[in-house]
């Protein structure tokens, strides 16, 4: 059993994936963490790396190969915008969220490399990153990560707590793949 969690930027992919993996005892991998690590190694911000990726496909290919590699392992939860594409035999989840809420979340992120001085800067960066990524991935892979028909479960996280999103996922997984835990002996 493999699970992918994709979605729009700041919809909660990594946070939710980490919590789901802990609850079901699966290993968690994050394409976003991989990308942030590459940016850090190169001395770039995530936005600067994104600009470079427009011209140099080797960065995408490195991260995409890692996703595919992790996707061959059993009992994994992989979060990333393209995870559903690189791990085809999995339960695919998409997290959606309003732009206003995503901007609010971005302003609250604790990531040093993704600090924004105000909502307008965060919104511009979010839009620029998503547009560039979507165009590039359509060109490379003919895959639209925002097309909801590519997913088994779609959740709008705008008004939900992380715990509510995780509970919705666990409920869907129990109905599809996971067995109920054994009740303790009385």
C-alpha atoms as a PDB file:
ATOM      1  CA  UNK A   1       0.000   0.000   0.000  1.00  0.00           C
ATOM      2  CA  UNK A   2       1.278   3.416  -1.008  1.00  0.00           C
ATOM      3  CA  UNK A   3      -0.313   6.801  -0.482  1.00  0.00           C
ATOM      4  CA  UNK A   4       0.450  10.042  -2.308  1.00  0.00           C
ATOM      5  CA  UNK A   5      -0.647  13.440  -1.106  1.00  0.00           C
ATOM      6  CA  UNK A   6      -0.600  16.175  -3.708  1.00  0.00           C
ATOM      7  CA  UNK A   7      -2.227  19.565  -3.762  1.00  0.00           C
ATOM      8  CA  UNK A   8      -1.803  23.249  -4.232  1.00  0.00           C
ATOM      9  CA  UNK A   9       0.965  25.145  -2.425  1.00  0.00           C
ATOM     10  CA  UNK A  10       0.320  25.630   1.300  1.00  0.00           C
ATOM     11  CA  UNK A  11      -2.673  23.301   1.336  1.00  0.00           C
ATOM     12  CA  UNK A  12      -1.045  21.211   4.088  1.00  0.00           C
ATOM     13  CA  UNK A  13       0.546  18.397   2.067  1.00  0.00           C
ATOM     14  CA  UNK A  14       3.649  17.830   4.188  1.00  0.00           C
ATOM     15  CA  UNK A  15       2.009  18.359   7.564  1.00  0.00           C
ATOM     16  CA  UNK A  16      -0.885  16.047   6.715  1.00  0.00           C
ATOM     17  CA  UNK A  17       1.379  13.420   5.113  1.00  0.00           C
ATOM     18  CA  UNK A  18       3.612  13.333   8.170  1.00  0.00           C
ATOM     19  CA  UNK A  19       0.660  12.908  10.531  1.00  0.00           C
ATOM     20  CA  UNK A  20      -0.988  10.224   8.371  1.00  0.00           C
ATOM     21  CA  UNK A  21       2.282   8.286   8.130  1.00  0.00           C
ATOM     22  CA  UNK A  22       2.717   8.396  11.916  1.00  0.00           C
ATOM     23  CA  UNK A  23      -0.842   7.246  12.541  1.00  0.00           C
ATOM     24  CA  UNK A  24      -0.610   4.232  10.218  1.00  0.00           C
ATOM     25  CA  UNK A  25       3.067   3.408  10.756  1.00  0.00           C
ATOM     26  CA  UNK A  26       4.243   4.169   7.214  1.00  0.00           C
ATOM     27  CA  UNK A  27       7.456   5.892   6.112  1.00  0.00           C
ATOM     28  CA  UNK A  28       7.032   9.529   4.999  1.00  0.00           C
ATOM     29  CA  UNK A  29       8.879  11.174   2.109  1.00  0.00           C
ATOM     30  CA  UNK A  30       8.433  14.781   0.992  1.00  0.00           C
ATOM     31  CA  UNK A  31       9.269  16.061  -2.494  1.00  0.00           C
ATOM     32  CA  UNK A  32       9.051  19.598  -1.117  1.00  0.00           C
ATOM     33  CA  UNK A  33      11.714  18.786   1.475  1.00  0.00           C
ATOM     34  CA  UNK A  34      13.863  17.300  -1.283  1.00  0.00           C
ATOM     35  CA  UNK A  35      13.465  20.481  -3.330  1.00  0.00           C
ATOM     36  CA  UNK A  36      14.214  22.757  -0.367  1.00  0.00           C
ATOM     37  CA  UNK A  37      17.366  20.714   0.315  1.00  0.00           C
ATOM     38  CA  UNK A  38      18.541  21.130  -3.302  1.00  0.00           C
ATOM     39  CA  UNK A  39      17.876  24.883  -3.075  1.00  0.00           C
ATOM     40  CA  UNK A  40      19.833  25.108   0.173  1.00  0.00           C
ATOM     41  CA  UNK A  41      22.770  23.145  -1.296  1.00  0.00           C
ATOM     42  CA  UNK A  42      22.831  25.578  -4.227  1.00  0.00           C
ATOM     43  CA  UNK A  43      22.515  28.654  -1.997  1.00  0.00           C
ATOM     44  CA  UNK A  44      19.159  29.600  -3.537  1.00  0.00           C
ATOM     45  CA  UNK A  45      15.687  30.370  -2.253  1.00  0.00           C
ATOM     46  CA  UNK A  46      12.942  27.981  -3.324  1.00  0.00           C
ATOM     47  CA  UNK A  47      11.660  30.671  -5.710  1.00  0.00           C
ATOM     48  CA  UNK A  48      15.136  31.169  -7.219  1.00  0.00           C
ATOM     49  CA  UNK A  49      15.467  27.407  -7.648  1.00  0.00           C
ATOM     50  CA  UNK A  50      12.101  27.406  -9.399  1.00  0.00           C
ATOM     51  CA  UNK A  51      13.366  29.998 -11.893  1.00  0.00           C
ATOM     52  CA  UNK A  52      16.478  27.893 -12.529  1.00  0.00           C
ATOM     53  CA  UNK A  53      14.338  24.777 -13.006  1.00  0.00           C
ATOM     54  CA  UNK A  54      12.620  26.548 -15.916  1.00  0.00           C
ATOM     55  CA  UNK A  55      15.924  26.404 -17.805  1.00  0.00           C
ATOM     56  CA  UNK A  56      17.585  23.295 -16.344  1.00  0.00           C
ATOM     57  CA  UNK A  57      15.488  20.127 -16.261  1.00  0.00           C
ATOM     58  CA  UNK A  58      18.206  18.163 -14.421  1.00  0.00           C
ATOM     59  CA  UNK A  59      16.960  19.482 -11.067  1.00  0.00           C
ATOM     60  CA  UNK A  60      13.400  18.264 -11.676  1.00  0.00           C
ATOM     61  CA  UNK A  61      14.668  14.954 -12.992  1.00  0.00           C
ATOM     62  CA  UNK A  62      16.765  14.415  -9.837  1.00  0.00           C
ATOM     63  CA  UNK A  63      13.819  15.076  -7.514  1.00  0.00           C
ATOM     64  CA  UNK A  64      11.380  13.153  -9.717  1.00  0.00           C
ATOM     65  CA  UNK A  65      13.674  10.116  -9.791  1.00  0.00           C
ATOM     66  CA  UNK A  66      13.776  10.162  -5.971  1.00  0.00           C
ATOM     67  CA  UNK A  67       9.975  10.279  -5.804  1.00  0.00           C
ATOM     68  CA  UNK A  68       9.727   7.322  -8.175  1.00  0.00           C
ATOM     69  CA  UNK A  69      12.352   5.431  -6.143  1.00  0.00           C
ATOM     70  CA  UNK A  70      10.518   6.028  -2.860  1.00  0.00           C
ATOM     71  CA  UNK A  71       7.268   5.118  -4.583  1.00  0.00           C
ATOM     72  CA  UNK A  72       8.554   1.615  -5.266  1.00  0.00           C
ATOM     73  CA  UNK A  73       8.740   0.957  -1.526  1.00  0.00           C
ATOM     74  CA  UNK A  74       5.759  -0.467   0.345  1.00  0.00           C
ATOM     75  CA  UNK A  75       4.036   1.296   3.206  1.00  0.00           C
ATOM     76  CA  UNK A  76       4.963   4.815   2.156  1.00  0.00           C
ATOM     77  CA  UNK A  77       3.265   8.195   2.244  1.00  0.00           C
ATOM     78  CA  UNK A  78       4.784  10.567  -0.306  1.00  0.00           C
ATOM     79  CA  UNK A  79       3.802  14.198  -0.529  1.00  0.00           C
ATOM     80  CA  UNK A  80       4.555  16.336  -3.529  1.00  0.00           C
ATOM     81  CA  UNK A  81       2.872  18.108  -6.385  1.00  0.00           C
ATOM     82  CA  UNK A  82       3.760  15.314  -8.839  1.00  0.00           C
ATOM     83  CA  UNK A  83       3.638  12.321  -6.507  1.00  0.00           C
ATOM     84  CA  UNK A  84       0.485  10.952  -8.129  1.00  0.00           C
ATOM     85  CA  UNK A  85       2.314  10.898 -11.463  1.00  0.00           C
ATOM     86  CA  UNK A  86       5.492   9.209 -10.210  1.00  0.00           C
ATOM     87  CA  UNK A  87       3.773   6.676  -7.946  1.00  0.00           C
ATOM     88  CA  UNK A  88       0.984   5.389 -10.181  1.00  0.00           C
ATOM     89  CA  UNK A  89      -0.077   2.389  -8.081  1.00  0.00           C
ATOM     90  CA  UNK A  90      -1.140   4.192  -4.934  1.00  0.00           C
ATOM     91  CA  UNK A  91      -4.093   5.791  -3.212  1.00  0.00           C
ATOM     92  CA  UNK A  92      -3.899   9.374  -4.504  1.00  0.00           C
ATOM     93  CA  UNK A  93      -5.082  12.309  -2.397  1.00  0.00           C
ATOM     94  CA  UNK A  94      -5.349  15.945  -3.487  1.00  0.00           C
ATOM     95  CA  UNK A  95      -5.548  18.804  -0.986  1.00  0.00           C
ATOM     96  CA  UNK A  96      -7.196  21.968  -2.236  1.00  0.00           C
ATOM     97  CA  UNK A  97      -7.445  25.287  -0.414  1.00  0.00           C
ATOM     98  CA  UNK A  98      -8.526  28.857  -1.133  1.00  0.00           C
ATOM     99  CA  UNK A  99      -5.815  31.285  -2.190  1.00  0.00           C
ATOM    100  CA  UNK A 100      -6.633  33.617   0.709  1.00  0.00           C
ATOM    101  CA  UNK A 101      -6.106  30.853   3.254  1.00  0.00           C
ATOM    102  CA  UNK A 102      -2.926  29.643   1.558  1.00  0.00           C
ATOM    103  CA  UNK A 103      -1.463  33.157   1.698  1.00  0.00           C
ATOM    104  CA  UNK A 104      -2.371  33.351   5.399  1.00  0.00           C
ATOM    105  CA  UNK A 105      -0.626  30.017   5.995  1.00  0.00           C
ATOM    106  CA  UNK A 106       2.463  31.057   4.034  1.00  0.00           C
ATOM    107  CA  UNK A 107       2.811  34.160   6.169  1.00  0.00           C
ATOM    108  CA  UNK A 108       2.754  31.910   9.233  1.00  0.00           C
ATOM    109  CA  UNK A 109       5.332  29.386   7.967  1.00  0.00           C
ATOM    110  CA  UNK A 110       8.413  29.044  10.084  1.00  0.00           C
ATOM    111  CA  UNK A 111      10.635  28.182   7.094  1.00  0.00           C
ATOM    112  CA  UNK A 112      13.498  30.681   6.888  1.00  0.00           C
ATOM    113  CA  UNK A 113      13.866  30.182   3.143  1.00  0.00           C
ATOM    114  CA  UNK A 114      10.202  31.024   2.548  1.00  0.00           C
ATOM    115  CA  UNK A 115       9.747  34.239   4.507  1.00  0.00           C
ATOM    116  CA  UNK A 116       7.394  36.853   3.066  1.00  0.00           C
ATOM    117  CA  UNK A 117       7.143  40.432   4.313  1.00  0.00           C
ATOM    118  CA  UNK A 118       3.438  40.814   3.500  1.00  0.00           C
ATOM    119  CA  UNK A 119       0.394  39.135   1.968  1.00  0.00           C
ATOM    120  CA  UNK A 120       0.911  40.673  -1.464  1.00  0.00           C
ATOM    121  CA  UNK A 121       4.471  39.325  -1.719  1.00  0.00           C
ATOM    122  CA  UNK A 122       3.356  35.883  -0.539  1.00  0.00           C
ATOM    123  CA  UNK A 123       0.433  35.839  -3.018  1.00  0.00           C
ATOM    124  CA  UNK A 124       2.658  36.916  -5.933  1.00  0.00           C
ATOM    125  CA  UNK A 125       5.247  34.270  -5.099  1.00  0.00           C
ATOM    126  CA  UNK A 126       2.568  31.592  -4.733  1.00  0.00           C
ATOM    127  CA  UNK A 127       0.990  32.427  -8.090  1.00  0.00           C
ATOM    128  CA  UNK A 128       4.329  32.667  -9.887  1.00  0.00           C
ATOM    129  CA  UNK A 129       5.554  29.340  -8.495  1.00  0.00           C
ATOM    130  CA  UNK A 130       2.353  27.470  -9.269  1.00  0.00           C
ATOM    131  CA  UNK A 131       2.086  28.854 -12.798  1.00  0.00           C
ATOM    132  CA  UNK A 132       5.717  28.070 -13.641  1.00  0.00           C
ATOM    133  CA  UNK A 133       5.535  24.569 -12.173  1.00  0.00           C
ATOM    134  CA  UNK A 134       2.262  23.700 -13.868  1.00  0.00           C
ATOM    135  CA  UNK A 135       3.493  24.872 -17.283  1.00  0.00           C
ATOM    136  CA  UNK A 136       6.802  23.049 -16.908  1.00  0.00           C
ATOM    137  CA  UNK A 137       5.259  19.771 -15.770  1.00  0.00           C
ATOM    138  CA  UNK A 138       2.663  19.829 -18.521  1.00  0.00           C
ATOM    139  CA  UNK A 139       5.545  20.282 -20.974  1.00  0.00           C
ATOM    140  CA  UNK A 140       7.737  17.561 -19.392  1.00  0.00           C
ATOM    141  CA  UNK A 141       5.165  14.973 -18.355  1.00  0.00           C
ATOM    142  CA  UNK A 142       1.790  15.950 -19.866  1.00  0.00           C
ATOM    143  CA  UNK A 143       0.445  15.752 -16.319  1.00  0.00           C
ATOM    144  CA  UNK A 144      -1.737  18.410 -14.699  1.00  0.00           C
ATOM    145  CA  UNK A 145      -1.319  17.962 -10.961  1.00  0.00           C
ATOM    146  CA  UNK A 146      -4.408  20.155 -10.356  1.00  0.00           C
ATOM    147  CA  UNK A 147      -6.736  17.913 -12.406  1.00  0.00           C
ATOM    148  CA  UNK A 148      -8.873  16.350  -9.704  1.00  0.00           C
ATOM    149  CA  UNK A 149      -9.825  13.307 -11.782  1.00  0.00           C
ATOM    150  CA  UNK A 150      -6.234  12.086 -11.183  1.00  0.00           C
ATOM    151  CA  UNK A 151      -7.041  11.483  -7.506  1.00  0.00           C
ATOM    152  CA  UNK A 152      -8.990   8.986  -5.414  1.00  0.00           C
ATOM    153  CA  UNK A 153      -9.818  11.533  -2.722  1.00  0.00           C
ATOM    154  CA  UNK A 154     -10.031  15.343  -2.880  1.00  0.00           C
ATOM    155  CA  UNK A 155     -10.266  17.408   0.306  1.00  0.00           C
ATOM    156  CA  UNK A 156     -10.694  21.170   0.568  1.00  0.00           C
ATOM    157  CA  UNK A 157      -8.580  22.094   3.605  1.00  0.00           C
ATOM    158  CA  UNK A 158      -9.592  25.771   3.690  1.00  0.00           C
ATOM    159  CA  UNK A 159     -11.806  25.533   6.774  1.00  0.00           C
ATOM    160  CA  UNK A 160     -10.504  22.296   8.272  1.00  0.00           C
ATOM    161  CA  UNK A 161      -7.951  21.713  10.984  1.00  0.00           C
ATOM    162  CA  UNK A 162      -5.034  19.431  10.217  1.00  0.00           C
ATOM    163  CA  UNK A 163      -6.598  16.848  12.529  1.00  0.00           C
ATOM    164  CA  UNK A 164      -9.891  16.954  10.586  1.00  0.00           C
ATOM    165  CA  UNK A 165      -8.058  16.467   7.277  1.00  0.00           C
ATOM    166  CA  UNK A 166      -6.087  13.533   8.692  1.00  0.00           C
ATOM    167  CA  UNK A 167      -9.271  11.974  10.100  1.00  0.00           C
ATOM    168  CA  UNK A 168     -10.970  12.259   6.685  1.00  0.00           C
ATOM    169  CA  UNK A 169      -8.027  10.517   5.058  1.00  0.00           C
ATOM    170  CA  UNK A 170      -7.894   7.760   7.660  1.00  0.00           C
ATOM    171  CA  UNK A 171     -11.626   7.186   7.234  1.00  0.00           C
ATOM    172  CA  UNK A 172     -11.226   6.884   3.447  1.00  0.00           C
ATOM    173  CA  UNK A 173      -8.235   4.561   3.851  1.00  0.00           C
ATOM    174  CA  UNK A 174     -10.110   2.306   6.270  1.00  0.00           C
ATOM    175  CA  UNK A 175     -12.911   2.046   3.775  1.00  0.00           C
ATOM    176  CA  UNK A 176     -10.486   1.139   1.005  1.00  0.00           C
ATOM    177  CA  UNK A 177      -7.311  -0.439   2.349  1.00  0.00           C
ATOM    178  CA  UNK A 178      -6.585  -0.365   6.043  1.00  0.00           C
ATOM    179  CA  UNK A 179      -8.053  -2.890   8.412  1.00  0.00           C
ATOM    180  CA  UNK A 180      -9.612  -1.801  11.679  1.00  0.00           C
ATOM    181  CA  UNK A 181      -7.118  -2.100  14.533  1.00  0.00           C
ATOM    182  CA  UNK A 182      -7.703  -5.047  16.816  1.00  0.00           C
ATOM    183  CA  UNK A 183      -9.591  -4.193  19.997  1.00  0.00           C
ATOM    184  CA  UNK A 184      -7.573  -4.719  23.191  1.00  0.00           C
ATOM    185  CA  UNK A 185      -8.541  -7.735  25.294  1.00  0.00           C
ATOM    186  CA  UNK A 186     -10.891  -6.966  28.141  1.00  0.00           C
END
